[in-house]
């Protein structure tokens, strides 16, 4: 199977000089790279790699000095597609 993890979060920006009012909101999405897994017995290893990629992108977003703070995680999803690893199948058959 081929899969990846996606996470949508809500960040808000506060104005701390004027009664702490919210002055902005963004809802970026972060995804891992697609991973091809033949068997589920090594899913944990792939999951850790995917999680680390999302955490890295999340940290980079915050490091850019945006001033946003995490309000909430809106969605975490695992996207899965069937993937035939059979060596006898041609490229054309995989597309069908």
PDB file of N, CA and C in Angstrom:
ATOM      1  N   UNK A   1       0.825  -1.176   0.000  1.00  0.00           N
ATOM      2  CA  UNK A   1       0.000   0.000   0.000  1.00  0.00           C
ATOM      3  C   UNK A   1       0.873   1.244   0.000  1.00  0.00           C
ATOM      4  N   UNK A   2       0.318   2.320  -0.471  1.00  0.00           N
ATOM      5  CA  UNK A   2       1.003   3.610  -0.483  1.00  0.00           C
ATOM      6  C   UNK A   2       0.175   4.546   0.394  1.00  0.00           C
ATOM      7  N   UNK A   3       0.849   5.253   1.306  1.00  0.00           N
ATOM      8  CA  UNK A   3       0.090   6.067   2.251  1.00  0.00           C
ATOM      9  C   UNK A   3       0.893   7.288   2.687  1.00  0.00           C
ATOM     10  N   UNK A   4       0.166   8.268   3.216  1.00  0.00           N
ATOM     11  CA  UNK A   4       0.791   9.429   3.841  1.00  0.00           C
ATOM     12  C   UNK A   4      -0.151   9.988   4.893  1.00  0.00           C
ATOM     13  N   UNK A   5       0.396  10.801   5.780  1.00  0.00           N
ATOM     14  CA  UNK A   5      -0.386  11.407   6.853  1.00  0.00           C
ATOM     15  C   UNK A   5      -0.526  12.894   6.574  1.00  0.00           C
ATOM     16  N   UNK A   6      -1.698  13.416   6.834  1.00  0.00           N
ATOM     17  CA  UNK A   6      -1.954  14.845   6.710  1.00  0.00           C
ATOM     18  C   UNK A   6      -2.463  15.406   8.027  1.00  0.00           C
ATOM     19  N   UNK A   7      -2.140  16.650   8.283  1.00  0.00           N
ATOM     20  CA  UNK A   7      -2.609  17.309   9.507  1.00  0.00           C
ATOM     21  C   UNK A   7      -2.975  18.751   9.180  1.00  0.00           C
ATOM     22  N   UNK A   8      -4.177  19.154   9.542  1.00  0.00           N
ATOM     23  CA  UNK A   8      -4.621  20.532   9.372  1.00  0.00           C
ATOM     24  C   UNK A   8      -4.747  21.148  10.758  1.00  0.00           C
ATOM     25  N   UNK A   9      -4.139  22.304  10.928  1.00  0.00           N
ATOM     26  CA  UNK A   9      -4.161  22.971  12.228  1.00  0.00           C
ATOM     27  C   UNK A   9      -4.714  24.382  12.087  1.00  0.00           C
ATOM     28  N   UNK A  10      -5.113  24.946  13.201  1.00  0.00           N
ATOM     29  CA  UNK A  10      -5.580  26.332  13.245  1.00  0.00           C
ATOM     30  C   UNK A  10      -4.601  27.108  14.110  1.00  0.00           C
ATOM     31  N   UNK A  11      -3.993  28.122  13.514  1.00  0.00           N
ATOM     32  CA  UNK A  11      -3.120  29.037  14.235  1.00  0.00           C
ATOM     33  C   UNK A  11      -3.850  30.362  14.381  1.00  0.00           C
ATOM     34  N   UNK A  12      -3.621  31.033  15.500  1.00  0.00           N
ATOM     35  CA  UNK A  12      -4.174  32.371  15.646  1.00  0.00           C
ATOM     36  C   UNK A  12      -3.067  33.327  16.051  1.00  0.00           C
ATOM     37  N   UNK A  13      -3.272  34.576  15.742  1.00  0.00           N
ATOM     38  CA  UNK A  13      -2.316  35.616  16.094  1.00  0.00           C
ATOM     39  C   UNK A  13      -3.042  36.583  17.023  1.00  0.00           C
ATOM     40  N   UNK A  14      -2.393  36.886  18.125  1.00  0.00           N
ATOM     41  CA  UNK A  14      -3.003  37.753  19.127  1.00  0.00           C
ATOM     42  C   UNK A  14      -2.287  39.106  19.136  1.00  0.00           C
ATOM     43  N   UNK A  15      -3.041  40.142  19.446  1.00  0.00           N
ATOM     44  CA  UNK A  15      -2.462  41.477  19.646  1.00  0.00           C
ATOM     45  C   UNK A  15      -2.363  41.686  21.146  1.00  0.00           C
ATOM     46  N   UNK A  16      -1.180  41.543  21.674  1.00  0.00           N
ATOM     47  CA  UNK A  16      -0.990  41.621  23.124  1.00  0.00           C
ATOM     48  C   UNK A  16      -0.911  43.053  23.620  1.00  0.00           C
ATOM     49  N   UNK A  17      -0.949  44.029  22.724  1.00  0.00           N
ATOM     50  CA  UNK A  17      -0.899  45.426  23.151  1.00  0.00           C
ATOM     51  C   UNK A  17      -2.292  46.008  23.322  1.00  0.00           C
ATOM     52  N   UNK A  18      -3.318  45.312  22.836  1.00  0.00           N
ATOM     53  CA  UNK A  18      -4.682  45.854  22.877  1.00  0.00           C
ATOM     54  C   UNK A  18      -5.667  44.806  23.388  1.00  0.00           C
ATOM     55  N   UNK A  19      -5.674  44.573  24.674  1.00  0.00           N
ATOM     56  CA  UNK A  19      -6.613  43.643  25.317  1.00  0.00           C
ATOM     57  C   UNK A  19      -6.508  42.198  24.830  1.00  0.00           C
ATOM     58  N   UNK A  20      -5.414  41.834  24.203  1.00  0.00           N
ATOM     59  CA  UNK A  20      -5.222  40.456  23.770  1.00  0.00           C
ATOM     60  C   UNK A  20      -6.214  39.976  22.736  1.00  0.00           C
ATOM     61  N   UNK A  21      -6.679  40.863  21.888  1.00  0.00           N
ATOM     62  CA  UNK A  21      -7.641  40.473  20.852  1.00  0.00           C
ATOM     63  C   UNK A  21      -6.965  39.637  19.770  1.00  0.00           C
ATOM     64  N   UNK A  22      -7.744  38.719  19.217  1.00  0.00           N
ATOM     65  CA  UNK A  22      -7.238  37.931  18.095  1.00  0.00           C
ATOM     66  C   UNK A  22      -7.237  38.820  16.863  1.00  0.00           C
ATOM     67  N   UNK A  23      -6.105  38.869  16.162  1.00  0.00           N
ATOM     68  CA  UNK A  23      -5.992  39.736  14.983  1.00  0.00           C
ATOM     69  C   UNK A  23      -5.776  38.953  13.686  1.00  0.00           C
ATOM     70  N   UNK A  24      -5.642  37.655  13.775  1.00  0.00           N
ATOM     71  CA  UNK A  24      -5.454  36.859  12.571  1.00  0.00           C
ATOM     72  C   UNK A  24      -5.602  35.384  12.836  1.00  0.00           C
ATOM     73  N   UNK A  25      -5.901  34.650  11.757  1.00  0.00           N
ATOM     74  CA  UNK A  25      -6.030  33.201  11.859  1.00  0.00           C
ATOM     75  C   UNK A  25      -5.640  32.590  10.522  1.00  0.00           C
ATOM     76  N   UNK A  26      -4.893  31.508  10.563  1.00  0.00           N
ATOM     77  CA  UNK A  26      -4.548  30.737   9.360  1.00  0.00           C
ATOM     78  C   UNK A  26      -4.762  29.264   9.658  1.00  0.00           C
ATOM     79  N   UNK A  27      -4.995  28.494   8.615  1.00  0.00           N
ATOM     80  CA  UNK A  27      -5.224  27.054   8.804  1.00  0.00           C
ATOM     81  C   UNK A  27      -4.375  26.248   7.809  1.00  0.00           C
ATOM     82  N   UNK A  28      -3.058  26.236   8.033  1.00  0.00           N
ATOM     83  CA  UNK A  28      -2.181  25.492   7.119  1.00  0.00           C
ATOM     84  C   UNK A  28      -2.329  23.981   7.282  1.00  0.00           C
ATOM     85  N   UNK A  29      -1.930  23.292   6.237  1.00  0.00           N
ATOM     86  CA  UNK A  29      -1.895  21.842   6.282  1.00  0.00           C
ATOM     87  C   UNK A  29      -0.456  21.364   6.179  1.00  0.00           C
ATOM     88  N   UNK A  30      -0.147  20.294   6.829  1.00  0.00           N
ATOM     89  CA  UNK A  30       1.175  19.692   6.795  1.00  0.00           C
ATOM     90  C   UNK A  30       1.010  18.230   6.411  1.00  0.00           C
ATOM     91  N   UNK A  31       1.883  17.737   5.526  1.00  0.00           N
ATOM     92  CA  UNK A  31       1.786  16.341   5.115  1.00  0.00           C
ATOM     93  C   UNK A  31       3.164  15.684   5.146  1.00  0.00           C
ATOM     94  N   UNK A  32       3.120  14.390   5.308  1.00  0.00           N
ATOM     95  CA  UNK A  32       4.353  13.610   5.192  1.00  0.00           C
ATOM     96  C   UNK A  32       4.569  13.288   3.720  1.00  0.00           C
ATOM     97  N   UNK A  33       5.691  12.671   3.429  1.00  0.00           N
ATOM     98  CA  UNK A  33       5.930  12.164   2.081  1.00  0.00           C
ATOM     99  C   UNK A  33       5.180  10.842   1.941  1.00  0.00           C
ATOM    100  N   UNK A  34       4.759  10.502   0.723  1.00  0.00           N
ATOM    101  CA  UNK A  34       4.131   9.191   0.522  1.00  0.00           C
ATOM    102  C   UNK A  34       5.121   8.069   0.856  1.00  0.00           C
ATOM    103  N   UNK A  35       4.608   7.034   1.485  1.00  0.00           N
ATOM    104  CA  UNK A  35       5.414   5.887   1.891  1.00  0.00           C
ATOM    105  C   UNK A  35       4.793   4.632   1.295  1.00  0.00           C
ATOM    106  N   UNK A  36       5.620   3.786   0.724  1.00  0.00           N
ATOM    107  CA  UNK A  36       5.147   2.510   0.197  1.00  0.00           C
ATOM    108  C   UNK A  36       5.506   1.432   1.198  1.00  0.00           C
ATOM    109  N   UNK A  37       4.495   0.710   1.658  1.00  0.00           N
ATOM    110  CA  UNK A  37       4.670  -0.328   2.661  1.00  0.00           C
ATOM    111  C   UNK A  37       4.078  -1.626   2.121  1.00  0.00           C
ATOM    112  N   UNK A  38       4.895  -2.651   2.031  1.00  0.00           N
ATOM    113  CA  UNK A  38       4.410  -3.933   1.525  1.00  0.00           C
ATOM    114  C   UNK A  38       3.583  -4.671   2.577  1.00  0.00           C
ATOM    115  N   UNK A  39       3.987  -4.543   3.836  1.00  0.00           N
ATOM    116  CA  UNK A  39       3.312  -5.253   4.919  1.00  0.00           C
ATOM    117  C   UNK A  39       3.113  -4.289   6.083  1.00  0.00           C
ATOM    118  N   UNK A  40       2.125  -4.553   6.883  1.00  0.00           N
ATOM    119  CA  UNK A  40       1.836  -3.674   8.019  1.00  0.00           C
ATOM    120  C   UNK A  40       2.789  -3.895   9.190  1.00  0.00           C
ATOM    121  N   UNK A  41       3.603  -4.944   9.170  1.00  0.00           N
ATOM    122  CA  UNK A  41       4.467  -5.199  10.314  1.00  0.00           C
ATOM    123  C   UNK A  41       5.495  -4.090  10.530  1.00  0.00           C
ATOM    124  N   UNK A  42       5.814  -3.294   9.502  1.00  0.00           N
ATOM    125  CA  UNK A  42       6.771  -2.206   9.680  1.00  0.00           C
ATOM    126  C   UNK A  42       6.096  -0.834   9.616  1.00  0.00           C
ATOM    127  N   UNK A  43       4.805  -0.792   9.884  1.00  0.00           N
ATOM    128  CA  UNK A  43       4.063   0.466   9.848  1.00  0.00           C
ATOM    129  C   UNK A  43       4.608   1.470  10.866  1.00  0.00           C
ATOM    130  N   UNK A  44       4.980   1.012  12.057  1.00  0.00           N
ATOM    131  CA  UNK A  44       5.468   1.920  13.101  1.00  0.00           C
ATOM    132  C   UNK A  44       6.674   2.733  12.629  1.00  0.00           C
ATOM    133  N   UNK A  45       7.575   2.088  11.933  1.00  0.00           N
ATOM    134  CA  UNK A  45       8.763   2.784  11.432  1.00  0.00           C
ATOM    135  C   UNK A  45       8.367   3.874  10.424  1.00  0.00           C
ATOM    136  N   UNK A  46       7.485   3.530   9.503  1.00  0.00           N
ATOM    137  CA  UNK A  46       7.006   4.515   8.526  1.00  0.00           C
ATOM    138  C   UNK A  46       6.227   5.633   9.183  1.00  0.00           C
ATOM    139  N   UNK A  47       5.420   5.280  10.176  1.00  0.00           N
ATOM    140  CA  UNK A  47       4.642   6.294  10.896  1.00  0.00           C
ATOM    141  C   UNK A  47       5.561   7.285  11.600  1.00  0.00           C
ATOM    142  N   UNK A  48       6.611   6.784  12.240  1.00  0.00           N
ATOM    143  CA  UNK A  48       7.555   7.684  12.921  1.00  0.00           C
ATOM    144  C   UNK A  48       8.241   8.619  11.938  1.00  0.00           C
ATOM    145  N   UNK A  49       8.605   8.117  10.770  1.00  0.00           N
ATOM    146  CA  UNK A  49       9.213   8.955   9.734  1.00  0.00           C
ATOM    147  C   UNK A  49       8.229  10.030   9.280  1.00  0.00           C
ATOM    148  N   UNK A  50       6.984   9.642   9.070  1.00  0.00           N
ATOM    149  CA  UNK A  50       5.950  10.584   8.637  1.00  0.00           C
ATOM    150  C   UNK A  50       5.699  11.649   9.702  1.00  0.00           C
ATOM    151  N   UNK A  51       5.616  11.232  10.944  1.00  0.00           N
ATOM    152  CA  UNK A  51       5.376  12.165  12.053  1.00  0.00           C
ATOM    153  C   UNK A  51       6.524  13.161  12.174  1.00  0.00           C
ATOM    154  N   UNK A  52       7.755  12.679  12.045  1.00  0.00           N
ATOM    155  CA  UNK A  52       8.918  13.565  12.140  1.00  0.00           C
ATOM    156  C   UNK A  52       8.911  14.612  11.023  1.00  0.00           C
ATOM    157  N   UNK A  53       8.494  14.231   9.817  1.00  0.00           N
ATOM    158  CA  UNK A  53       8.421  15.171   8.696  1.00  0.00           C
ATOM    159  C   UNK A  53       7.400  16.269   8.992  1.00  0.00           C
ATOM    160  N   UNK A  54       6.246  15.883   9.516  1.00  0.00           N
ATOM    161  CA  UNK A  54       5.208  16.864   9.849  1.00  0.00           C
ATOM    162  C   UNK A  54       5.694  17.781  10.968  1.00  0.00           C
ATOM    163  N   UNK A  55       6.314  17.214  11.991  1.00  0.00           N
ATOM    164  CA  UNK A  55       6.837  18.038  13.095  1.00  0.00           C
ATOM    165  C   UNK A  55       7.882  19.036  12.598  1.00  0.00           C
ATOM    166  N   UNK A  56       8.744  18.604  11.688  1.00  0.00           N
ATOM    167  CA  UNK A  56       9.778  19.490  11.134  1.00  0.00           C
ATOM    168  C   UNK A  56       9.130  20.661  10.396  1.00  0.00           C
ATOM    169  N   UNK A  57       8.147  20.376   9.551  1.00  0.00           N
ATOM    170  CA  UNK A  57       7.459  21.444   8.818  1.00  0.00           C
ATOM    171  C   UNK A  57       6.705  22.378   9.754  1.00  0.00           C
ATOM    172  N   UNK A  58       6.111  21.819  10.784  1.00  0.00           N
ATOM    173  CA  UNK A  58       5.386  22.598  11.793  1.00  0.00           C
ATOM    174  C   UNK A  58       6.357  23.556  12.493  1.00  0.00           C
ATOM    175  N   UNK A  59       7.499  23.035  12.923  1.00  0.00           N
ATOM    176  CA  UNK A  59       8.508  23.865  13.596  1.00  0.00           C
ATOM    177  C   UNK A  59       9.040  24.960  12.671  1.00  0.00           C
ATOM    178  N   UNK A  60       9.265  24.635  11.400  1.00  0.00           N
ATOM    179  CA  UNK A  60       9.743  25.634  10.444  1.00  0.00           C
ATOM    180  C   UNK A  60       8.728  26.753  10.278  1.00  0.00           C
ATOM    181  N   UNK A  61       7.454  26.410  10.249  1.00  0.00           N
ATOM    182  CA  UNK A  61       6.408  27.421  10.136  1.00  0.00           C
ATOM    183  C   UNK A  61       6.485  28.386  11.318  1.00  0.00           C
ATOM    184  N   UNK A  62       6.640  27.847  12.515  1.00  0.00           N
ATOM    185  CA  UNK A  62       6.704  28.691  13.708  1.00  0.00           C
ATOM    186  C   UNK A  62       7.995  29.506  13.768  1.00  0.00           C
ATOM    187  N   UNK A  63       9.096  28.923  13.306  1.00  0.00           N
ATOM    188  CA  UNK A  63      10.392  29.610  13.326  1.00  0.00           C
ATOM    189  C   UNK A  63      10.451  30.791  12.368  1.00  0.00           C
ATOM    190  N   UNK A  64       9.597  30.815  11.379  1.00  0.00           N
ATOM    191  CA  UNK A  64       9.622  31.900  10.398  1.00  0.00           C
ATOM    192  C   UNK A  64       9.193  33.239  10.991  1.00  0.00           C
ATOM    193  N   UNK A  65       8.937  33.264  12.291  1.00  0.00           N
ATOM    194  CA  UNK A  65       8.607  34.518  12.950  1.00  0.00           C
ATOM    195  C   UNK A  65       7.219  35.032  12.652  1.00  0.00           C
ATOM    196  N   UNK A  66       6.318  34.123  12.369  1.00  0.00           N
ATOM    197  CA  UNK A  66       4.967  34.525  11.988  1.00  0.00           C
ATOM    198  C   UNK A  66       4.192  35.151  13.141  1.00  0.00           C
ATOM    199  N   UNK A  67       4.563  34.803  14.371  1.00  0.00           N
ATOM    200  CA  UNK A  67       3.823  35.312  15.521  1.00  0.00           C
ATOM    201  C   UNK A  67       2.538  34.543  15.803  1.00  0.00           C
ATOM    202  N   UNK A  68       2.271  33.511  15.020  1.00  0.00           N
ATOM    203  CA  UNK A  68       1.069  32.704  15.247  1.00  0.00           C
ATOM    204  C   UNK A  68       1.319  31.690  16.351  1.00  0.00           C
ATOM    205  N   UNK A  69       0.254  31.341  17.058  1.00  0.00           N
ATOM    206  CA  UNK A  69       0.317  30.295  18.078  1.00  0.00           C
ATOM    207  C   UNK A  69      -0.732  29.242  17.732  1.00  0.00           C
ATOM    208  N   UNK A  70      -0.456  28.012  18.117  1.00  0.00           N
ATOM    209  CA  UNK A  70      -1.382  26.922  17.822  1.00  0.00           C
ATOM    210  C   UNK A  70      -2.652  27.086  18.637  1.00  0.00           C
ATOM    211  N   UNK A  71      -3.774  27.119  17.949  1.00  0.00           N
ATOM    212  CA  UNK A  71      -5.077  27.157  18.618  1.00  0.00           C
ATOM    213  C   UNK A  71      -5.597  25.733  18.805  1.00  0.00           C
ATOM    214  N   UNK A  72      -5.567  24.956  17.705  1.00  0.00           N
ATOM    215  CA  UNK A  72      -6.044  23.567  17.804  1.00  0.00           C
ATOM    216  C   UNK A  72      -5.631  22.776  16.560  1.00  0.00           C
ATOM    217  N   UNK A  73      -5.626  21.469  16.717  1.00  0.00           N
ATOM    218  CA  UNK A  73      -5.450  20.562  15.585  1.00  0.00           C
ATOM    219  C   UNK A  73      -6.851  20.256  15.084  1.00  0.00           C
ATOM    220  N   UNK A  74      -7.107  20.613  13.834  1.00  0.00           N
ATOM    221  CA  UNK A  74      -8.448  20.476  13.273  1.00  0.00           C
ATOM    222  C   UNK A  74      -8.688  19.092  12.675  1.00  0.00           C
ATOM    223  N   UNK A  75      -7.627  18.497  12.101  1.00  0.00           N
ATOM    224  CA  UNK A  75      -7.798  17.222  11.423  1.00  0.00           C
ATOM    225  C   UNK A  75      -6.460  16.496  11.329  1.00  0.00           C
ATOM    226  N   UNK A  76      -6.478  15.220  11.614  1.00  0.00           N
ATOM    227  CA  UNK A  76      -5.344  14.342  11.328  1.00  0.00           C
ATOM    228  C   UNK A  76      -5.910  13.206  10.489  1.00  0.00           C
ATOM    229  N   UNK A  77      -5.294  12.950   9.335  1.00  0.00           N
ATOM    230  CA  UNK A  77      -5.842  11.935   8.438  1.00  0.00           C
ATOM    231  C   UNK A  77      -4.727  11.055   7.891  1.00  0.00           C
ATOM    232  N   UNK A  78      -5.084   9.815   7.616  1.00  0.00           N
ATOM    233  CA  UNK A  78      -4.180   8.877   6.960  1.00  0.00           C
ATOM    234  C   UNK A  78      -4.804   8.579   5.602  1.00  0.00           C
ATOM    235  N   UNK A  79      -4.069   8.877   4.544  1.00  0.00           N
ATOM    236  CA  UNK A  79      -4.531   8.648   3.178  1.00  0.00           C
ATOM    237  C   UNK A  79      -3.851   7.382   2.664  1.00  0.00           C
ATOM    238  N   UNK A  80      -4.656   6.411   2.237  1.00  0.00           N
ATOM    239  CA  UNK A  80      -4.133   5.109   1.835  1.00  0.00           C
ATOM    240  C   UNK A  80      -4.626   4.774   0.426  1.00  0.00           C
ATOM    241  N   UNK A  81      -3.718   4.273  -0.392  1.00  0.00           N
ATOM    242  CA  UNK A  81      -4.072   3.794  -1.728  1.00  0.00           C
ATOM    243  C   UNK A  81      -3.479   2.413  -1.915  1.00  0.00           C
ATOM    244  N   UNK A  82      -4.218   1.559  -2.593  1.00  0.00           N
ATOM    245  CA  UNK A  82      -3.696   0.236  -2.905  1.00  0.00           C
ATOM    246  C   UNK A  82      -2.515   0.352  -3.853  1.00  0.00           C
ATOM    247  N   UNK A  83      -1.555  -0.516  -3.708  1.00  0.00           N
ATOM    248  CA  UNK A  83      -0.340  -0.456  -4.515  1.00  0.00           C
ATOM    249  C   UNK A  83       0.162  -1.870  -4.693  1.00  0.00           C
ATOM    250  N   UNK A  84       0.161  -2.344  -5.935  1.00  0.00           N
ATOM    251  CA  UNK A  84       0.582  -3.716  -6.207  1.00  0.00           C
ATOM    252  C   UNK A  84       2.086  -3.756  -6.436  1.00  0.00           C
ATOM    253  N   UNK A  85       2.804  -4.452  -5.582  1.00  0.00           N
ATOM    254  CA  UNK A  85       4.254  -4.558  -5.693  1.00  0.00           C
ATOM    255  C   UNK A  85       4.691  -5.792  -6.488  1.00  0.00           C
ATOM    256  N   UNK A  86       3.745  -6.438  -7.146  1.00  0.00           N
ATOM    257  CA  UNK A  86       4.035  -7.645  -7.909  1.00  0.00           C
ATOM    258  C   UNK A  86       5.043  -7.350  -9.019  1.00  0.00           C
ATOM    259  N   UNK A  87       6.121  -8.133  -9.112  1.00  0.00           N
ATOM    260  CA  UNK A  87       7.136  -7.881 -10.147  1.00  0.00           C
ATOM    261  C   UNK A  87       6.659  -8.245 -11.554  1.00  0.00           C
ATOM    262  N   UNK A  88       5.556  -8.974 -11.683  1.00  0.00           N
ATOM    263  CA  UNK A  88       5.080  -9.414 -12.986  1.00  0.00           C
ATOM    264  C   UNK A  88       4.101  -8.446 -13.627  1.00  0.00           C
ATOM    265  N   UNK A  89       3.736  -7.414 -12.940  1.00  0.00           N
ATOM    266  CA  UNK A  89       2.739  -6.493 -13.454  1.00  0.00           C
ATOM    267  C   UNK A  89       3.433  -5.354 -14.203  1.00  0.00           C
ATOM    268  N   UNK A  90       2.912  -5.032 -15.370  1.00  0.00           N
ATOM    269  CA  UNK A  90       3.513  -3.953 -16.166  1.00  0.00           C
ATOM    270  C   UNK A  90       3.021  -2.599 -15.678  1.00  0.00           C
ATOM    271  N   UNK A  91       3.697  -1.557 -16.092  1.00  0.00           N
ATOM    272  CA  UNK A  91       3.319  -0.187 -15.728  1.00  0.00           C
ATOM    273  C   UNK A  91       1.911   0.127 -16.215  1.00  0.00           C
ATOM    274  N   UNK A  92       1.576  -0.341 -17.420  1.00  0.00           N
ATOM    275  CA  UNK A  92       0.246  -0.086 -17.964  1.00  0.00           C
ATOM    276  C   UNK A  92      -0.835  -0.727 -17.100  1.00  0.00           C
ATOM    277  N   UNK A  93      -0.614  -1.947 -16.643  1.00  0.00           N
ATOM    278  CA  UNK A  93      -1.592  -2.632 -15.803  1.00  0.00           C
ATOM    279  C   UNK A  93      -1.769  -1.904 -14.477  1.00  0.00           C
ATOM    280  N   UNK A  94      -0.718  -1.297 -13.943  1.00  0.00           N
ATOM    281  CA  UNK A  94      -0.828  -0.589 -12.660  1.00  0.00           C
ATOM    282  C   UNK A  94      -1.717   0.641 -12.797  1.00  0.00           C
ATOM    283  N   UNK A  95      -1.746   1.263 -13.972  1.00  0.00           N
ATOM    284  CA  UNK A  95      -2.552   2.463 -14.175  1.00  0.00           C
ATOM    285  C   UNK A  95      -4.017   2.130 -14.347  1.00  0.00           C
ATOM    286  N   UNK A  96      -4.333   0.921 -14.773  1.00  0.00           N
ATOM    287  CA  UNK A  96      -5.724   0.549 -15.039  1.00  0.00           C
ATOM    288  C   UNK A  96      -6.502   0.267 -13.792  1.00  0.00           C
TER     289      UNK A  96
END
